[in-house]
Amino acid sequence: MPDPPEEALEHLDYTFENMYTYSHLNYLSFNVTAGFVYTFKNGMQWTVEGSYSDLDDRTGYVFGSESGSLLVVRSGVQIDF
């Protein structure tokens, strides 16, 4: 364990007079999902689905710019018996 700091941290007195500026968010969000199912004759199905999301953070107040995108591709097999 590291030694405790020699100087104690003093209480910082924050005010909330400008707190309303933290909620002025400006972003653009885009989501699209598509998929298909192929059914075989023997009661088996193959599924594929893709989902794309994009976020453009135009303000970046508290945590900086949180812009980015996400692509998710899912596939599965279902067997009915």
PDB file of N, CA and C in Angstrom:
ATOM      1  N   MET A   1       0.842  -1.182   0.000  1.00  0.00           N
ATOM      2  CA  MET A   1       0.000   0.000   0.000  1.00  0.00           C
ATOM      3  C   MET A   1       0.885   1.243   0.000  1.00  0.00           C
ATOM      4  N   PRO A   2       0.553   2.223  -0.818  1.00  0.00           N
ATOM      5  CA  PRO A   2       1.334   3.463  -0.800  1.00  0.00           C
ATOM      6  C   PRO A   2       1.063   4.253   0.466  1.00  0.00           C
ATOM      7  N   ASP A   3       2.035   5.065   0.829  1.00  0.00           N
ATOM      8  CA  ASP A   3       1.872   5.918   2.005  1.00  0.00           C
ATOM      9  C   ASP A   3       0.818   6.979   1.730  1.00  0.00           C
ATOM     10  N   PRO A   4       0.041   7.370   2.750  1.00  0.00           N
ATOM     11  CA  PRO A   4      -0.955   8.425   2.545  1.00  0.00           C
ATOM     12  C   PRO A   4      -0.263   9.753   2.242  1.00  0.00           C
ATOM     13  N   PRO A   5      -0.938  10.646   1.519  1.00  0.00           N
ATOM     14  CA  PRO A   5      -0.304  11.946   1.214  1.00  0.00           C
ATOM     15  C   PRO A   5      -0.038  12.739   2.488  1.00  0.00           C
ATOM     16  N   GLU A   6       1.043  13.500   2.448  1.00  0.00           N
ATOM     17  CA  GLU A   6       1.410  14.282   3.632  1.00  0.00           C
ATOM     18  C   GLU A   6       0.446  15.433   3.856  1.00  0.00           C
ATOM     19  N   GLU A   7      -0.064  16.015   2.780  1.00  0.00           N
ATOM     20  CA  GLU A   7      -1.008  17.121   2.911  1.00  0.00           C
ATOM     21  C   GLU A   7      -2.420  16.600   2.688  1.00  0.00           C
ATOM     22  N   ALA A   8      -3.312  16.930   3.584  1.00  0.00           N
ATOM     23  CA  ALA A   8      -4.707  16.514   3.441  1.00  0.00           C
ATOM     24  C   ALA A   8      -5.394  17.383   2.384  1.00  0.00           C
ATOM     25  N   LEU A   9      -6.252  16.770   1.619  1.00  0.00           N
ATOM     26  CA  LEU A   9      -7.020  17.522   0.642  1.00  0.00           C
ATOM     27  C   LEU A   9      -8.090  18.330   1.351  1.00  0.00           C
ATOM     28  N   GLU A  10      -8.207  19.575   0.983  1.00  0.00           N
ATOM     29  CA  GLU A  10      -9.224  20.424   1.588  1.00  0.00           C
ATOM     30  C   GLU A  10     -10.525  20.295   0.823  1.00  0.00           C
ATOM     31  N   HIS A  11     -11.617  20.558   1.502  1.00  0.00           N
ATOM     32  CA  HIS A  11     -12.925  20.518   0.875  1.00  0.00           C
ATOM     33  C   HIS A  11     -13.016  21.621  -0.174  1.00  0.00           C
ATOM     34  N   LEU A  12     -13.407  21.257  -1.369  1.00  0.00           N
ATOM     35  CA  LEU A  12     -13.565  22.230  -2.437  1.00  0.00           C
ATOM     36  C   LEU A  12     -15.026  22.648  -2.501  1.00  0.00           C
ATOM     37  N   ASP A  13     -15.265  23.900  -2.407  1.00  0.00           N
ATOM     38  CA  ASP A  13     -16.630  24.418  -2.369  1.00  0.00           C
ATOM     39  C   ASP A  13     -17.079  24.773  -3.786  1.00  0.00           C
ATOM     40  N   TYR A  14     -17.857  23.872  -4.403  1.00  0.00           N
ATOM     41  CA  TYR A  14     -18.364  24.106  -5.749  1.00  0.00           C
ATOM     42  C   TYR A  14     -19.716  24.798  -5.679  1.00  0.00           C
ATOM     43  N   THR A  15     -19.956  25.653  -6.648  1.00  0.00           N
ATOM     44  CA  THR A  15     -21.274  26.278  -6.750  1.00  0.00           C
ATOM     45  C   THR A  15     -21.991  25.694  -7.958  1.00  0.00           C
ATOM     46  N   PHE A  16     -23.289  25.847  -7.994  1.00  0.00           N
ATOM     47  CA  PHE A  16     -24.107  25.285  -9.058  1.00  0.00           C
ATOM     48  C   PHE A  16     -24.701  26.374  -9.957  1.00  0.00           C
ATOM     49  N   GLU A  17     -24.130  27.552  -9.938  1.00  0.00           N
ATOM     50  CA  GLU A  17     -24.717  28.647 -10.697  1.00  0.00           C
ATOM     51  C   GLU A  17     -24.648  28.446 -12.213  1.00  0.00           C
ATOM     52  N   ASN A  18     -23.679  27.707 -12.717  1.00  0.00           N
ATOM     53  CA  ASN A  18     -23.579  27.464 -14.161  1.00  0.00           C
ATOM     54  C   ASN A  18     -23.931  26.031 -14.533  1.00  0.00           C
ATOM     55  N   MET A  19     -24.610  25.339 -13.657  1.00  0.00           N
ATOM     56  CA  MET A  19     -24.920  23.934 -13.900  1.00  0.00           C
ATOM     57  C   MET A  19     -25.838  23.735 -15.108  1.00  0.00           C
ATOM     58  N   TYR A  20     -26.683  24.695 -15.409  1.00  0.00           N
ATOM     59  CA  TYR A  20     -27.609  24.568 -16.536  1.00  0.00           C
ATOM     60  C   TYR A  20     -26.868  24.414 -17.862  1.00  0.00           C
ATOM     61  N   THR A  21     -25.627  24.856 -17.950  1.00  0.00           N
ATOM     62  CA  THR A  21     -24.891  24.744 -19.212  1.00  0.00           C
ATOM     63  C   THR A  21     -24.473  23.310 -19.513  1.00  0.00           C
ATOM     64  N   TYR A  22     -24.463  22.426 -18.516  1.00  0.00           N
ATOM     65  CA  TYR A  22     -24.058  21.041 -18.732  1.00  0.00           C
ATOM     66  C   TYR A  22     -25.107  20.239 -19.498  1.00  0.00           C
ATOM     67  N   SER A  23     -26.338  20.699 -19.555  1.00  0.00           N
ATOM     68  CA  SER A  23     -27.389  19.937 -20.222  1.00  0.00           C
ATOM     69  C   SER A  23     -27.662  20.417 -21.639  1.00  0.00           C
ATOM     70  N   HIS A  24     -26.866  21.295 -22.169  1.00  0.00           N
ATOM     71  CA  HIS A  24     -27.046  21.758 -23.543  1.00  0.00           C
ATOM     72  C   HIS A  24     -26.347  20.801 -24.496  1.00  0.00           C
ATOM     73  N   LEU A  25     -26.929  19.618 -24.655  1.00  0.00           N
ATOM     74  CA  LEU A  25     -26.328  18.597 -25.501  1.00  0.00           C
ATOM     75  C   LEU A  25     -26.743  18.807 -26.944  1.00  0.00           C
ATOM     76  N   ASN A  26     -25.846  18.484 -27.859  1.00  0.00           N
ATOM     77  CA  ASN A  26     -26.127  18.607 -29.278  1.00  0.00           C
ATOM     78  C   ASN A  26     -25.483  17.416 -29.971  1.00  0.00           C
ATOM     79  N   TYR A  27     -26.302  16.479 -30.418  1.00  0.00           N
ATOM     80  CA  TYR A  27     -25.762  15.293 -31.076  1.00  0.00           C
ATOM     81  C   TYR A  27     -26.727  14.807 -32.150  1.00  0.00           C
ATOM     82  N   LEU A  28     -26.185  14.013 -33.058  1.00  0.00           N
ATOM     83  CA  LEU A  28     -26.967  13.401 -34.124  1.00  0.00           C
ATOM     84  C   LEU A  28     -26.749  11.900 -34.025  1.00  0.00           C
ATOM     85  N   SER A  29     -27.835  11.143 -33.984  1.00  0.00           N
ATOM     86  CA  SER A  29     -27.754   9.694 -33.847  1.00  0.00           C
ATOM     87  C   SER A  29     -28.463   9.037 -35.034  1.00  0.00           C
ATOM     88  N   PHE A  30     -27.856   7.957 -35.539  1.00  0.00           N
ATOM     89  CA  PHE A  30     -28.397   7.240 -36.689  1.00  0.00           C
ATOM     90  C   PHE A  30     -28.289   5.746 -36.409  1.00  0.00           C
ATOM     91  N   ASN A  31     -29.403   5.015 -36.547  1.00  0.00           N
ATOM     92  CA  ASN A  31     -29.420   3.572 -36.322  1.00  0.00           C
ATOM     93  C   ASN A  31     -30.160   2.888 -37.464  1.00  0.00           C
ATOM     94  N   VAL A  32     -29.615   1.772 -37.940  1.00  0.00           N
ATOM     95  CA  VAL A  32     -30.281   0.987 -38.965  1.00  0.00           C
ATOM     96  C   VAL A  32     -30.013  -0.495 -38.679  1.00  0.00           C
ATOM     97  N   THR A  33     -31.046  -1.318 -38.867  1.00  0.00           N
ATOM     98  CA  THR A  33     -30.943  -2.763 -38.629  1.00  0.00           C
ATOM     99  C   THR A  33     -31.612  -3.495 -39.785  1.00  0.00           C
ATOM    100  N   ALA A  34     -30.975  -4.576 -40.230  1.00  0.00           N
ATOM    101  CA  ALA A  34     -31.548  -5.396 -41.294  1.00  0.00           C
ATOM    102  C   ALA A  34     -31.157  -6.849 -41.045  1.00  0.00           C
ATOM    103  N   GLY A  35     -31.992  -7.750 -41.527  1.00  0.00           N
ATOM    104  CA  GLY A  35     -31.675  -9.160 -41.350  1.00  0.00           C
ATOM    105  C   GLY A  35     -32.523 -10.032 -42.243  1.00  0.00           C
ATOM    106  N   PHE A  36     -32.199 -11.327 -42.266  1.00  0.00           N
ATOM    107  CA  PHE A  36     -33.015 -12.273 -43.018  1.00  0.00           C
ATOM    108  C   PHE A  36     -32.959 -13.636 -42.351  1.00  0.00           C
ATOM    109  N   VAL A  37     -33.959 -14.431 -42.701  1.00  0.00           N
ATOM    110  CA  VAL A  37     -34.063 -15.801 -42.184  1.00  0.00           C
ATOM    111  C   VAL A  37     -34.222 -16.732 -43.386  1.00  0.00           C
ATOM    112  N   TYR A  38     -33.418 -17.781 -43.434  1.00  0.00           N
ATOM    113  CA  TYR A  38     -33.539 -18.804 -44.468  1.00  0.00           C
ATOM    114  C   TYR A  38     -34.011 -20.081 -43.795  1.00  0.00           C
ATOM    115  N   THR A  39     -35.127 -20.630 -44.259  1.00  0.00           N
ATOM    116  CA  THR A  39     -35.693 -21.831 -43.663  1.00  0.00           C
ATOM    117  C   THR A  39     -35.404 -23.032 -44.559  1.00  0.00           C
ATOM    118  N   PHE A  40     -34.774 -24.048 -43.994  1.00  0.00           N
ATOM    119  CA  PHE A  40     -34.513 -25.299 -44.710  1.00  0.00           C
ATOM    120  C   PHE A  40     -35.752 -26.196 -44.612  1.00  0.00           C
ATOM    121  N   LYS A  41     -35.817 -27.256 -45.413  1.00  0.00           N
ATOM    122  CA  LYS A  41     -36.980 -28.141 -45.432  1.00  0.00           C
ATOM    123  C   LYS A  41     -37.108 -28.992 -44.174  1.00  0.00           C
ATOM    124  N   ASN A  42     -36.044 -29.247 -43.485  1.00  0.00           N
ATOM    125  CA  ASN A  42     -36.084 -30.162 -42.339  1.00  0.00           C
ATOM    126  C   ASN A  42     -36.334 -29.465 -40.996  1.00  0.00           C
ATOM    127  N   GLY A  43     -36.904 -28.275 -40.996  1.00  0.00           N
ATOM    128  CA  GLY A  43     -37.219 -27.588 -39.743  1.00  0.00           C
ATOM    129  C   GLY A  43     -36.050 -26.829 -39.148  1.00  0.00           C
ATOM    130  N   MET A  44     -35.057 -26.522 -39.952  1.00  0.00           N
ATOM    131  CA  MET A  44     -33.900 -25.762 -39.479  1.00  0.00           C
ATOM    132  C   MET A  44     -33.908 -24.381 -40.137  1.00  0.00           C
ATOM    133  N   GLN A  45     -33.529 -23.368 -39.357  1.00  0.00           N
ATOM    134  CA  GLN A  45     -33.483 -22.003 -39.871  1.00  0.00           C
ATOM    135  C   GLN A  45     -32.095 -21.419 -39.634  1.00  0.00           C
ATOM    136  N   TRP A  46     -31.666 -20.599 -40.577  1.00  0.00           N
ATOM    137  CA  TRP A  46     -30.413 -19.867 -40.443  1.00  0.00           C
ATOM    138  C   TRP A  46     -30.766 -18.385 -40.452  1.00  0.00           C
ATOM    139  N   THR A  47     -30.305 -17.639 -39.453  1.00  0.00           N
ATOM    140  CA  THR A  47     -30.623 -16.215 -39.346  1.00  0.00           C
ATOM    141  C   THR A  47     -29.338 -15.396 -39.402  1.00  0.00           C
ATOM    142  N   VAL A  48     -29.440 -14.238 -40.032  1.00  0.00           N
ATOM    143  CA  VAL A  48     -28.347 -13.271 -40.083  1.00  0.00           C
ATOM    144  C   VAL A  48     -28.958 -11.896 -39.868  1.00  0.00           C
ATOM    145  N   GLU A  49     -28.333 -11.114 -39.007  1.00  0.00           N
ATOM    146  CA  GLU A  49     -28.829  -9.762 -38.738  1.00  0.00           C
ATOM    147  C   GLU A  49     -27.648  -8.829 -38.571  1.00  0.00           C
ATOM    148  N   GLY A  50     -27.762  -7.642 -39.115  1.00  0.00           N
ATOM    149  CA  GLY A  50     -26.733  -6.621 -38.964  1.00  0.00           C
ATOM    150  C   GLY A  50     -27.342  -5.346 -38.423  1.00  0.00           C
ATOM    151  N   SER A  51     -26.605  -4.668 -37.583  1.00  0.00           N
ATOM    152  CA  SER A  51     -27.065  -3.420 -36.985  1.00  0.00           C
ATOM    153  C   SER A  51     -25.917  -2.413 -37.010  1.00  0.00           C
ATOM    154  N   TYR A  52     -26.210  -1.202 -37.474  1.00  0.00           N
ATOM    155  CA  TYR A  52     -25.196  -0.149 -37.538  1.00  0.00           C
ATOM    156  C   TYR A  52     -25.719   1.071 -36.792  1.00  0.00           C
ATOM    157  N   SER A  53     -24.902   1.621 -35.923  1.00  0.00           N
ATOM    158  CA  SER A  53     -25.244   2.829 -35.164  1.00  0.00           C
ATOM    159  C   SER A  53     -24.119   3.838 -35.300  1.00  0.00           C
ATOM    160  N   ASP A  54     -24.474   5.101 -35.426  1.00  0.00           N
ATOM    161  CA  ASP A  54     -23.482   6.171 -35.537  1.00  0.00           C
ATOM    162  C   ASP A  54     -23.921   7.326 -34.645  1.00  0.00           C
ATOM    163  N   LEU A  55     -22.984   7.867 -33.885  1.00  0.00           N
ATOM    164  CA  LEU A  55     -23.266   8.996 -33.002  1.00  0.00           C
ATOM    165  C   LEU A  55     -22.278  10.110 -33.309  1.00  0.00           C
ATOM    166  N   ASP A  56     -22.791  11.295 -33.588  1.00  0.00           N
ATOM    167  CA  ASP A  56     -21.968  12.478 -33.833  1.00  0.00           C
ATOM    168  C   ASP A  56     -22.226  13.458 -32.701  1.00  0.00           C
ATOM    169  N   ASP A  57     -21.299  13.521 -31.762  1.00  0.00           N
ATOM    170  CA  ASP A  57     -21.409  14.430 -30.619  1.00  0.00           C
ATOM    171  C   ASP A  57     -20.882  15.790 -31.052  1.00  0.00           C
ATOM    172  N   ARG A  58     -21.788  16.737 -31.197  1.00  0.00           N
ATOM    173  CA  ARG A  58     -21.405  18.038 -31.743  1.00  0.00           C
ATOM    174  C   ARG A  58     -21.008  19.051 -30.673  1.00  0.00           C
ATOM    175  N   THR A  59     -21.086  18.668 -29.395  1.00  0.00           N
ATOM    176  CA  THR A  59     -20.758  19.610 -28.335  1.00  0.00           C
ATOM    177  C   THR A  59     -19.611  19.107 -27.462  1.00  0.00           C
ATOM    178  N   GLY A  60     -19.707  17.908 -26.940  1.00  0.00           N
ATOM    179  CA  GLY A  60     -18.639  17.345 -26.123  1.00  0.00           C
ATOM    180  C   GLY A  60     -18.404  18.085 -24.824  1.00  0.00           C
ATOM    181  N   TYR A  61     -19.450  18.303 -24.043  1.00  0.00           N
ATOM    182  CA  TYR A  61     -19.305  19.086 -22.811  1.00  0.00           C
ATOM    183  C   TYR A  61     -18.504  18.371 -21.729  1.00  0.00           C
ATOM    184  N   VAL A  62     -19.094  17.396 -21.084  1.00  0.00           N
ATOM    185  CA  VAL A  62     -18.533  16.858 -19.848  1.00  0.00           C
ATOM    186  C   VAL A  62     -17.385  15.889 -20.106  1.00  0.00           C
ATOM    187  N   PHE A  63     -17.571  14.906 -20.961  1.00  0.00           N
ATOM    188  CA  PHE A  63     -16.558  13.872 -21.164  1.00  0.00           C
ATOM    189  C   PHE A  63     -15.792  14.042 -22.462  1.00  0.00           C
ATOM    190  N   GLY A  64     -15.881  15.165 -23.103  1.00  0.00           N
ATOM    191  CA  GLY A  64     -15.227  15.354 -24.391  1.00  0.00           C
ATOM    192  C   GLY A  64     -16.075  14.760 -25.497  1.00  0.00           C
ATOM    193  N   SER A  65     -15.528  14.664 -26.665  1.00  0.00           N
ATOM    194  CA  SER A  65     -16.281  14.143 -27.810  1.00  0.00           C
ATOM    195  C   SER A  65     -16.526  12.649 -27.639  1.00  0.00           C
ATOM    196  N   GLU A  66     -17.777  12.245 -27.746  1.00  0.00           N
ATOM    197  CA  GLU A  66     -18.143  10.838 -27.644  1.00  0.00           C
ATOM    198  C   GLU A  66     -18.643  10.314 -28.987  1.00  0.00           C
ATOM    199  N   SER A  67     -18.170  10.881 -30.069  1.00  0.00           N
ATOM    200  CA  SER A  67     -18.568  10.441 -31.400  1.00  0.00           C
ATOM    201  C   SER A  67     -17.995   9.063 -31.691  1.00  0.00           C
ATOM    202  N   GLY A  68     -18.724   8.300 -32.489  1.00  0.00           N
ATOM    203  CA  GLY A  68     -18.229   6.987 -32.874  1.00  0.00           C
ATOM    204  C   GLY A  68     -19.313   6.192 -33.560  1.00  0.00           C
ATOM    205  N   SER A  69     -18.930   5.013 -34.015  1.00  0.00           N
ATOM    206  CA  SER A  69     -19.892   4.146 -34.676  1.00  0.00           C
ATOM    207  C   SER A  69     -19.699   2.714 -34.211  1.00  0.00           C
ATOM    208  N   LEU A  70     -20.754   1.905 -34.408  1.00  0.00           N
ATOM    209  CA  LEU A  70     -20.753   0.516 -33.963  1.00  0.00           C
ATOM    210  C   LEU A  70     -21.442  -0.329 -35.013  1.00  0.00           C
ATOM    211  N   LEU A  71     -20.802  -1.412 -35.405  1.00  0.00           N
ATOM    212  CA  LEU A  71     -21.379  -2.367 -36.347  1.00  0.00           C
ATOM    213  C   LEU A  71     -21.433  -3.717 -35.650  1.00  0.00           C
ATOM    214  N   VAL A  72     -22.633  -4.306 -35.594  1.00  0.00           N
ATOM    215  CA  VAL A  72     -22.826  -5.614 -34.962  1.00  0.00           C
ATOM    216  C   VAL A  72     -23.452  -6.549 -35.998  1.00  0.00           C
ATOM    217  N   VAL A  73     -22.844  -7.717 -36.175  1.00  0.00           N
ATOM    218  CA  VAL A  73     -23.375  -8.737 -37.080  1.00  0.00           C
ATOM    219  C   VAL A  73     -23.617  -9.990 -36.263  1.00  0.00           C
ATOM    220  N   ARG A  74     -24.842 -10.502 -36.327  1.00  0.00           N
ATOM    221  CA  ARG A  74     -25.217 -11.705 -35.567  1.00  0.00           C
ATOM    222  C   ARG A  74     -25.707 -12.767 -36.547  1.00  0.00           C
ATOM    223  N   SER A  75     -25.408 -14.006 -36.215  1.00  0.00           N
ATOM    224  CA  SER A  75     -25.864 -15.116 -37.022  1.00  0.00           C
ATOM    225  C   SER A  75     -26.203 -16.274 -36.094  1.00  0.00           C
ATOM    226  N   GLY A  76     -27.189 -17.070 -36.484  1.00  0.00           N
ATOM    227  CA  GLY A  76     -27.575 -18.182 -35.633  1.00  0.00           C
ATOM    228  C   GLY A  76     -28.280 -19.271 -36.408  1.00  0.00           C
ATOM    229  N   VAL A  77     -28.387 -20.414 -35.775  1.00  0.00           N
ATOM    230  CA  VAL A  77     -29.097 -21.573 -36.339  1.00  0.00           C
ATOM    231  C   VAL A  77     -30.152 -21.997 -35.344  1.00  0.00           C
ATOM    232  N   GLN A  78     -31.353 -22.238 -35.848  1.00  0.00           N
ATOM    233  CA  GLN A  78     -32.462 -22.710 -35.006  1.00  0.00           C
ATOM    234  C   GLN A  78     -32.927 -24.044 -35.547  1.00  0.00           C
ATOM    235  N   ILE A  79     -33.045 -25.010 -34.670  1.00  0.00           N
ATOM    236  CA  ILE A  79     -33.517 -26.344 -35.067  1.00  0.00           C
ATOM    237  C   ILE A  79     -34.807 -26.635 -34.337  1.00  0.00           C
ATOM    238  N   ASP A  80     -35.870 -26.876 -35.069  1.00  0.00           N
ATOM    239  CA  ASP A  80     -37.173 -27.234 -34.496  1.00  0.00           C
ATOM    240  C   ASP A  80     -37.314 -28.745 -34.503  1.00  0.00           C
ATOM    241  N   PHE A  81     -37.655 -29.309 -33.345  1.00  0.00           N
ATOM    242  CA  PHE A  81     -37.900 -30.761 -33.273  1.00  0.00           C
ATOM    243  C   PHE A  81     -39.010 -31.055 -32.321  1.00  0.00           C
TER     244      PHE A  81
END
